[in-house]
Protein backbone atom coordinates (compact mmCIF):
# COMPACT_ATOMS: atom_id res chain seq x y z
CA UNK A 1 0.00 0.00 0.00
CA UNK A 2 0.99 3.65 -0.38
CA UNK A 3 3.45 4.85 2.26
CA UNK A 4 3.64 8.31 3.79
CA UNK A 5 7.29 9.44 4.11
CA UNK A 6 8.06 11.88 6.91
CA UNK A 7 10.93 14.23 7.75
CA UNK A 8 13.41 12.18 9.81
CA UNK A 9 15.19 13.35 12.95
CA UNK A 10 18.63 13.69 11.37
CA UNK A 11 20.22 15.04 14.56
CA UNK A 12 19.53 14.41 18.22
CA UNK A 13 16.78 16.65 19.63
CA UNK A 14 16.33 18.41 16.26
CA UNK A 15 12.85 19.90 15.78
CA UNK A 16 13.27 21.06 12.16
CA UNK A 17 15.47 20.37 9.14
CA UNK A 18 15.79 21.77 5.62
CA UNK A 19 14.96 19.61 2.62
CA UNK A 20 17.96 20.75 0.61
CA UNK A 21 17.02 19.00 -2.64
CA UNK A 22 15.03 16.15 -4.16
CA UNK A 23 16.86 13.42 -6.10
CA UNK A 24 13.57 11.87 -7.22
CA UNK A 25 10.43 13.44 -8.70
CA UNK A 26 6.81 12.32 -9.04
CA UNK A 27 6.62 9.26 -11.30
CA UNK A 28 10.22 8.17 -10.68
CA UNK A 29 10.87 4.55 -9.71
CA UNK A 30 12.70 3.99 -6.43
CA UNK A 31 14.82 1.02 -5.36
CA UNK A 32 15.64 0.09 -1.77
CA UNK A 33 18.65 2.13 -0.60
CA UNK A 34 18.35 4.78 -3.33
CA UNK A 35 18.78 8.37 -2.16
CA UNK A 36 15.45 10.22 -2.27
CA UNK A 37 16.54 13.61 -0.96
CA UNK A 38 19.31 15.58 0.74
CA UNK A 39 18.40 16.80 4.24
CA UNK A 40 20.35 19.73 5.69
CA UNK A 41 20.71 19.53 9.46
CA UNK A 42 22.38 22.06 11.71
CA UNK A 43 25.85 20.81 10.91
CA UNK A 44 25.78 18.58 7.84
CA UNK A 45 23.88 17.42 4.76
CA UNK A 46 22.45 13.92 5.25
CA UNK A 47 21.17 11.63 2.49
CA UNK A 48 17.63 10.24 2.95
CA UNK A 49 17.56 6.70 1.55
CA UNK A 50 14.48 4.64 0.66
CA UNK A 51 13.59 1.78 3.00
CA UNK A 52 11.40 0.11 0.38
CA UNK A 53 10.91 0.07 -3.39
CA UNK A 54 8.11 1.87 -5.20
CA UNK A 55 7.23 4.96 -7.21
CA UNK A 56 7.09 8.58 -6.06
CA UNK A 57 3.40 9.50 -6.13
CA UNK A 58 3.33 12.85 -4.34
CA UNK A 59 5.73 15.50 -2.96
CA UNK A 60 4.63 17.84 -0.17
CA UNK A 61 7.80 19.88 0.31
CA UNK A 62 9.75 22.12 -2.08
CA UNK A 63 13.55 22.02 -2.21
CA UNK A 64 14.99 24.51 0.25
CA UNK A 65 11.99 24.44 2.57
CA UNK A 66 12.41 24.05 6.35
CA UNK A 67 10.19 21.27 7.68
CA UNK A 68 9.23 20.11 11.15
CA UNK A 69 10.55 16.69 12.14
CA UNK A 70 7.81 14.11 11.59
CA UNK A 71 5.93 16.19 9.02
CA UNK A 72 4.92 14.45 5.74
CA UNK A 73 7.30 15.08 2.84
CA UNK A 74 6.30 12.53 0.18
CA UNK A 75 4.14 9.54 -0.76
CA UNK A 76 5.70 6.31 -2.03
CA UNK A 77 3.42 4.09 -4.12
CA UNK A 78 3.77 0.31 -4.16
CA UNK A 79 3.76 -1.65 -7.43
CA UNK A 80 0.46 -1.31 -9.27
CA UNK A 81 -0.86 1.64 -7.25
CA UNK A 82 -2.09 4.80 -8.94
CA UNK A 83 -3.07 8.39 -8.23
CA UNK A 84 -6.29 7.09 -6.65
CA UNK A 85 -4.22 5.42 -3.94
CA UNK A 86 -2.48 8.74 -3.29
CA UNK A 87 -5.88 10.41 -2.87
CA UNK A 88 -7.00 7.71 -0.45
CA UNK A 89 -3.88 8.08 1.65
CA UNK A 90 -4.18 11.87 1.67
CA UNK A 91 -7.79 11.65 2.77
CA UNK A 92 -6.87 9.26 5.58
CA UNK A 93 -4.03 11.53 6.71
CA UNK A 94 -5.69 14.90 6.05
CA UNK A 95 -5.14 16.24 9.55
CA UNK A 96 -1.36 15.80 9.26
CA UNK A 97 -0.81 17.06 5.71
CA UNK A 98 -0.50 20.58 4.34
CA UNK A 99 -3.31 21.43 1.90
CA UNK A 100 -1.08 22.58 -0.98
CA UNK A 101 1.09 19.79 -2.49
CA UNK A 102 4.27 20.49 -4.37
CA UNK A 103 3.59 17.76 -6.94
CA UNK A 104 1.15 14.87 -7.23
CA UNK A 105 0.56 12.02 -9.62
CA UNK A 106 -2.85 13.31 -10.77
CA UNK A 107 -1.37 16.65 -11.74
CA UNK A 108 1.29 14.86 -13.76
CA UNK A 109 -1.45 13.05 -15.72
CA UNK A 110 -3.80 16.00 -16.27
CA UNK A 111 -1.27 18.66 -17.22
CA UNK A 112 1.45 18.48 -19.88
CA UNK A 113 4.98 18.55 -18.47
CA UNK A 114 6.18 22.11 -18.07
CA UNK A 115 9.52 23.09 -19.54
CA UNK A 116 11.87 24.14 -16.70
CA UNK A 117 12.54 27.86 -16.79
CA UNK A 118 14.93 30.09 -14.94
CA UNK A 119 13.17 32.64 -12.67
CA UNK A 120 13.24 36.28 -13.71
CA UNK A 121 15.00 38.75 -11.45
CA UNK A 122 16.08 37.13 -8.21
CA UNK A 123 17.57 33.64 -8.47
CA UNK A 124 15.84 31.03 -6.34
CA UNK A 125 18.04 28.08 -5.42
CA UNK A 126 18.22 25.52 -2.64
CA UNK A 127 21.04 25.86 -0.05
CA UNK A 128 22.66 22.68 -1.35
CA UNK A 129 22.55 23.97 -4.93
CA UNK A 130 24.19 27.23 -3.89
CA UNK A 131 26.97 25.39 -2.05
CA UNK A 132 27.65 23.08 -5.00
CA UNK A 133 27.71 26.05 -7.37
CA UNK A 134 30.30 27.83 -5.21
CA UNK A 135 32.48 24.70 -4.99
CA UNK A 136 32.37 24.06 -8.76
CA UNK A 137 32.69 27.67 -9.90
CA UNK A 138 29.28 27.63 -11.57
CA UNK A 139 27.27 30.82 -12.07
CA UNK A 140 23.73 30.09 -10.87
CA UNK A 141 22.43 32.50 -13.52
CA UNK A 142 23.47 29.95 -16.16
CA UNK A 143 21.47 27.14 -14.55
CA UNK A 144 17.95 26.27 -15.65
CA UNK A 145 15.82 25.54 -12.59
CA UNK A 146 13.78 22.34 -12.71
CA UNK A 147 12.43 22.57 -9.18
CA UNK A 148 9.06 24.01 -8.15
CA UNK A 149 8.47 27.48 -9.63
CA UNK A 150 11.78 27.31 -11.50
CA UNK A 151 13.88 26.86 -8.33
CA UNK A 152 17.44 25.71 -8.98
CA UNK A 153 18.17 22.41 -7.22
CA UNK A 154 21.14 20.05 -6.93
CA UNK A 155 20.64 18.22 -10.23
CA UNK A 156 20.53 21.53 -12.16
CA UNK A 157 23.96 22.53 -10.84
CA UNK A 158 25.37 19.08 -11.56
CA UNK A 159 24.16 19.38 -15.17
CA UNK A 160 25.71 22.82 -15.67
CA UNK A 161 29.23 23.56 -16.81
CA UNK A 162 31.64 25.72 -14.77
CA UNK A 163 31.64 29.35 -15.81
CA UNK A 164 34.67 30.63 -17.72
CA UNK A 165 35.15 33.36 -15.14
CA UNK A 166 33.53 34.13 -11.77
CA UNK A 167 30.32 36.08 -12.18
CA UNK A 168 29.99 39.46 -10.52
CA UNK A 169 27.87 39.20 -7.34
CA UNK A 170 24.29 40.35 -7.60
CA UNK A 171 23.75 43.65 -5.84
CA UNK A 172 20.71 45.54 -4.69
CA UNK A 173 20.90 49.32 -5.03
CA UNK A 174 19.43 51.21 -2.10
CA UNK A 175 18.86 54.95 -2.16
CA UNK A 176 21.41 56.85 -0.06
CA UNK A 177 23.04 53.59 1.07
CA UNK A 178 25.83 51.25 -0.01
CA UNK A 179 24.99 48.45 -2.43
CA UNK A 180 24.65 45.03 -0.87
CA UNK A 181 23.45 41.50 -1.48
CA UNK A 182 21.53 39.27 0.90
CA UNK A 183 22.72 35.72 1.52
CA UNK A 184 20.09 33.51 3.22
CA UNK A 185 21.24 31.97 6.50
CA UNK A 186 22.01 28.27 6.37
CA UNK A 187 20.67 26.00 9.10
CA UNK A 188 24.20 25.75 10.48
CA UNK A 189 24.69 29.53 10.59
CA UNK A 190 21.37 30.03 12.42
CA UNK A 191 22.34 27.40 14.98
CA UNK A 192 25.79 28.94 15.52
CA UNK A 193 24.27 32.37 16.07
CA UNK A 194 21.74 31.05 18.56
CA UNK A 195 24.19 28.97 20.59
CA UNK A 196 26.94 31.60 20.75
CA UNK A 197 24.49 34.33 21.75
CA UNK A 198 23.16 32.12 24.54
CA UNK A 199 26.68 31.20 25.64
CA UNK A 200 28.06 34.73 25.76
CA UNK A 201 24.99 36.18 27.48
CA UNK A 202 24.40 33.42 30.05
CA UNK A 203 27.85 32.04 30.94
CA UNK A 204 30.15 34.08 33.24
CA UNK A 205 33.33 33.87 31.13
CA UNK A 206 36.75 34.70 32.51
CA UNK A 207 40.07 34.44 30.70
CA UNK A 208 43.64 33.32 31.48
CA UNK A 209 46.54 33.80 29.05
CA UNK A 210 49.91 32.04 29.03
CA UNK A 211 52.99 32.08 26.75
CA UNK A 212 54.43 28.68 25.84
CA UNK A 213 58.01 28.16 24.65
CA UNK A 214 57.82 26.19 21.41
CA UNK A 215 61.51 25.69 20.56
CA UNK A 216 61.72 22.06 21.72
CA UNK A 217 58.35 21.11 20.22
CA UNK A 218 59.14 22.62 16.82
CA UNK A 219 62.49 20.85 16.71
CA UNK A 220 60.90 17.52 17.67
CA UNK A 221 58.14 17.95 15.08
CA UNK A 222 60.65 18.75 12.33
CA UNK A 223 62.67 15.64 13.19
CA UNK A 224 59.59 13.38 13.24
CA UNK A 225 58.31 14.68 9.91
CA UNK A 226 61.73 14.41 8.29
CA UNK A 227 62.03 10.80 9.45
CA UNK A 228 58.66 9.89 7.93
CA UNK A 229 58.98 12.03 4.79
CA UNK A 230 59.61 9.02 2.57
CA UNK A 231 56.54 7.14 3.85
CA UNK A 232 52.83 7.69 3.39
CA UNK A 233 52.25 8.84 6.96
CA UNK A 234 50.66 12.29 7.25
CA UNK A 235 52.93 14.97 8.67
CA UNK A 236 52.37 15.85 12.31
CA UNK A 237 51.02 19.38 12.84
CA UNK A 238 51.51 21.73 15.77
CA UNK A 239 47.76 21.42 16.38
CA UNK A 240 48.13 17.66 16.84
CA UNK A 241 50.61 18.29 19.66
CA UNK A 242 48.21 20.85 21.19
CA UNK A 243 45.29 18.40 21.23
CA UNK A 244 47.47 15.71 22.83
CA UNK A 245 48.81 18.18 25.43
CA UNK A 246 45.30 19.38 26.31
CA UNK A 247 44.12 15.79 26.78
CA UNK A 248 47.04 14.92 29.08
CA UNK A 249 46.47 18.12 31.07
CA UNK A 250 42.82 17.11 31.57
CA UNK A 251 44.05 13.69 32.74
CA UNK A 252 46.37 15.41 35.22
CA UNK A 253 43.71 17.88 36.38
CA UNK A 254 40.41 15.95 36.09
CA UNK A 255 38.55 18.64 38.07
CA UNK A 256 38.81 20.82 34.95
CA UNK A 257 37.31 18.13 32.73
CA UNK A 258 33.76 19.12 33.64
CA UNK A 259 30.57 20.66 32.29
CA UNK A 260 27.88 22.77 33.90
CA UNK A 261 24.21 21.83 34.06
CA UNK A 262 21.52 23.51 36.14
CA UNK A 263 21.10 20.44 38.34
CA UNK A 264 24.65 19.12 38.71
CA UNK A 265 28.30 19.30 37.72
CA UNK A 266 29.05 16.90 34.88
CA UNK A 267 32.38 15.11 35.47
CA UNK A 268 33.68 13.59 32.22
CA UNK A 269 35.43 10.22 32.34
CA UNK A 270 37.60 10.85 29.27
CA UNK A 271 39.15 13.77 27.41
CA UNK A 272 36.90 14.20 24.38
CA UNK A 273 38.52 17.13 22.57
CA UNK A 274 36.40 19.16 20.14
CA UNK A 275 38.55 20.80 17.44
CA UNK A 276 37.11 23.85 15.67
CA UNK A 277 37.02 23.47 11.86
CA UNK A 278 35.98 26.25 9.48
CA UNK A 279 33.60 25.28 6.63
CA UNK A 280 31.75 27.22 3.93
CA UNK A 281 28.61 27.23 6.08
CA UNK A 282 30.25 28.08 9.41
CA UNK A 283 32.22 26.61 12.28
CA UNK A 284 31.86 22.98 13.33
CA UNK A 285 33.69 21.12 16.09
CA UNK A 286 34.33 17.43 15.33
CA UNK A 287 35.47 15.49 18.37
CA UNK A 288 38.55 13.36 19.05
CA UNK A 289 37.16 10.86 21.57
CA UNK A 290 39.38 9.48 24.37
CA UNK A 291 42.25 11.67 23.20
CA UNK A 292 44.22 10.97 26.39
CA UNK A 293 44.51 7.30 25.37
CA UNK A 294 45.52 7.88 21.74
CA UNK A 295 48.98 8.32 20.28
CA UNK A 296 50.08 11.53 18.61
CA UNK A 297 49.98 9.91 15.15
CA UNK A 298 46.53 8.44 15.76
CA UNK A 299 45.26 11.88 16.80
CA UNK A 300 46.86 13.42 13.72
CA UNK A 301 45.21 10.93 11.34
CA UNK A 302 41.83 11.25 13.06
CA UNK A 303 41.82 15.06 12.99
CA UNK A 304 42.68 15.08 9.27
CA UNK A 305 39.82 12.68 8.50
CA UNK A 306 37.28 14.55 10.67
CA UNK A 307 38.24 17.93 9.19
CA UNK A 308 37.96 16.68 5.60
CA UNK A 309 34.53 15.16 6.19
CA UNK A 310 33.39 18.25 8.13
CA UNK A 311 34.15 20.50 5.15
CA UNK A 312 32.31 18.04 2.87
CA UNK A 313 29.27 18.03 5.18
CA UNK A 314 29.64 14.28 5.81
CA UNK A 315 29.95 14.12 9.61
CA UNK A 316 27.49 12.02 11.59
CA UNK A 317 25.82 13.74 14.59
CA UNK A 318 27.77 11.66 17.15
CA UNK A 319 31.02 12.94 15.59
CA UNK A 320 30.36 16.59 16.48
CA UNK A 321 27.90 16.49 19.38
CA UNK A 322 29.17 16.34 22.95
CA UNK A 323 32.83 16.68 23.91
CA UNK A 324 34.32 17.74 27.22
CA UNK A 325 36.74 20.48 26.06
CA UNK A 326 37.30 22.56 22.89
CA UNK A 327 40.31 23.97 21.05
CA UNK A 328 40.17 26.81 18.51
CA UNK A 329 43.46 27.42 16.70
CA UNK A 330 43.84 30.55 14.55
CA UNK A 331 47.62 30.55 14.65
CA UNK A 332 47.84 29.25 11.08
CA UNK A 333 46.01 32.43 10.01
CA UNK A 334 48.60 34.69 11.63
CA UNK A 335 46.49 35.65 14.66
CA UNK A 336 48.68 36.37 17.70
CA UNK A 337 46.04 36.18 20.41
CA UNK A 338 42.25 35.95 20.79
CA UNK A 339 39.51 34.83 23.20
CA UNK A 340 37.03 32.13 22.21
CA UNK A 341 33.42 31.64 23.32
CA UNK A 342 32.61 28.55 25.38
CA UNK A 343 30.55 25.78 23.76
CA UNK A 344 28.04 24.69 26.46
CA UNK A 345 27.68 22.45 28.37
CA UNK A 346 31.48 22.40 28.23
CA UNK A 347 33.18 24.64 30.78
CA UNK A 348 36.30 25.75 28.89
CA UNK A 349 37.82 26.38 25.46
CA UNK A 350 41.46 27.06 24.56
CA UNK A 351 42.21 29.75 21.97
CA UNK A 352 45.60 29.20 20.30
CA UNK A 353 47.57 31.94 18.56
CA UNK A 354 50.50 31.87 16.17
CA UNK A 355 54.03 30.92 17.20
CA UNK A 356 56.24 34.02 17.00
CA UNK A 357 59.92 34.74 17.48
CA UNK A 358 60.37 37.18 20.33
CA UNK A 359 62.95 38.15 22.95
CA UNK A 360 62.87 36.01 26.10
CA UNK A 361 65.05 35.82 29.18
CA UNK A 362 66.85 32.49 29.51
CA UNK A 363 69.27 31.85 32.38
CA UNK A 364 69.59 35.58 32.89
CA UNK A 365 70.40 36.29 29.24
CA UNK A 366 68.21 37.77 26.51
CA UNK A 367 67.68 35.33 23.65
CA UNK A 368 65.30 34.89 20.72
CA UNK A 369 62.68 32.25 21.44
CA UNK A 370 59.69 30.70 19.68
CA UNK A 371 56.60 31.59 21.69
CA UNK A 372 52.94 30.59 21.32
CA UNK A 373 50.26 32.56 23.22
CA UNK A 374 47.19 30.66 24.42
CA UNK A 375 44.07 32.03 26.13
CA UNK A 376 41.76 29.81 28.17
CA UNK A 377 38.10 30.89 28.34
CA UNK A 378 36.48 29.46 31.47
CA UNK A 379 32.95 29.10 32.87
CA UNK A 380 33.32 30.51 36.38
CA UNK A 381 30.30 28.52 37.58
CA UNK A 382 32.16 25.25 37.01
CA UNK A 383 35.86 26.12 37.31
CA UNK A 384 37.45 28.62 39.67
CA UNK A 385 40.45 30.78 38.81
CA UNK A 386 43.02 28.74 40.74
CA UNK A 387 41.84 25.48 39.16
CA UNK A 388 41.96 27.01 35.67
CA UNK A 389 45.50 28.26 36.37
CA UNK A 390 46.47 24.77 37.55
CA UNK A 391 45.21 23.23 34.27
CA UNK A 392 46.89 25.88 32.14
CA UNK A 393 50.20 25.24 33.93
CA UNK A 394 49.87 21.50 33.23
CA UNK A 395 49.17 22.26 29.57
CA UNK A 396 52.22 24.52 29.27
CA UNK A 397 54.48 21.89 30.89
CA UNK A 398 53.29 19.32 28.35
CA UNK A 399 53.92 21.69 25.42
CA UNK A 400 57.38 22.64 26.67
CA UNK A 401 58.34 18.98 27.35
CA UNK A 402 57.10 17.51 24.06
CA UNK A 403 58.80 14.11 24.33
CA UNK A 404 56.05 13.15 26.80
CA UNK A 405 53.49 13.78 24.04
CA UNK A 406 54.99 11.26 21.61
CA UNK A 407 53.42 7.89 21.83
């Protein structure tokens, strides 16, 4: 019999998700496991696969539309069923279904197929189509939209050829004001804005800054990478050392490996380090689980894999949700020092700046040293100043004695 397909809960506790694009249209045959649609969650794009075979008989939701979890999105017809079966299912489910369908089988029979046309004026495109166009260097103005009302969807971008040169951005002229263009917020960007606003306004942040001598670590890293240059092993980064040092510091000072909830202090059993990764849609923090028990090379390989899949929107919810501590490193971008915002319910985040040559006093003499400045943002409800200082001292010792980090 006809089956009503509903918006899945693609992330824990999610109430809504965006249907980024349909891969099937009304009348298309579907096999078990085939991808029906791309669903954009707060942090990634997830493929919705068919659990059974059939034919698409009805679509309720347009590409790019935000939908409540559990709401109907499509009807899947079994073999031999027709538009009459769609009507019967709709009648039986009338209280749960929006009155205006996107497409239905009856409409496909009664009306001749419309030729896809590009919308006049403003370009309408799904979030996934816009992201693909940016990645492939395709001007959306050259795409012919085949979605509802001429909306450009994923398959239209995939069928287009890259533009010879980047197109000039569309601008809107405003009287007595600078020209601008509006870029719709992605689900990820809206979530980031909400969570950071709540964090900064509700958590009593305080900050501690420390300078770490990096001479020994940089020399050790250079030697390790030179020794493995001929092999296929990925080169160790400074950030890999930082993650390992933070994990060992949390092992040494477990009182700092905590989170705040309104009812109790959450004491974490392992150092699950969230590492900030920048993507086209915003910041995401994939997690290195049990980092205190992993070798430096294992951490390095895992971070590289997580970062690559984060930028491709392929992380699973359990790979970026949770964590006991976060690290945000902007040193590779030339930033000397900054303060990061805590990611609740975690109680601390370490902001890492660039390593710089600067004058330092060593054994009473002025020498040039390699120095990295780190700032720890702390939730004062969960961690007091002395405890935060104790953890930061343990972290600096680990960084300045890097042989202990190799394993």
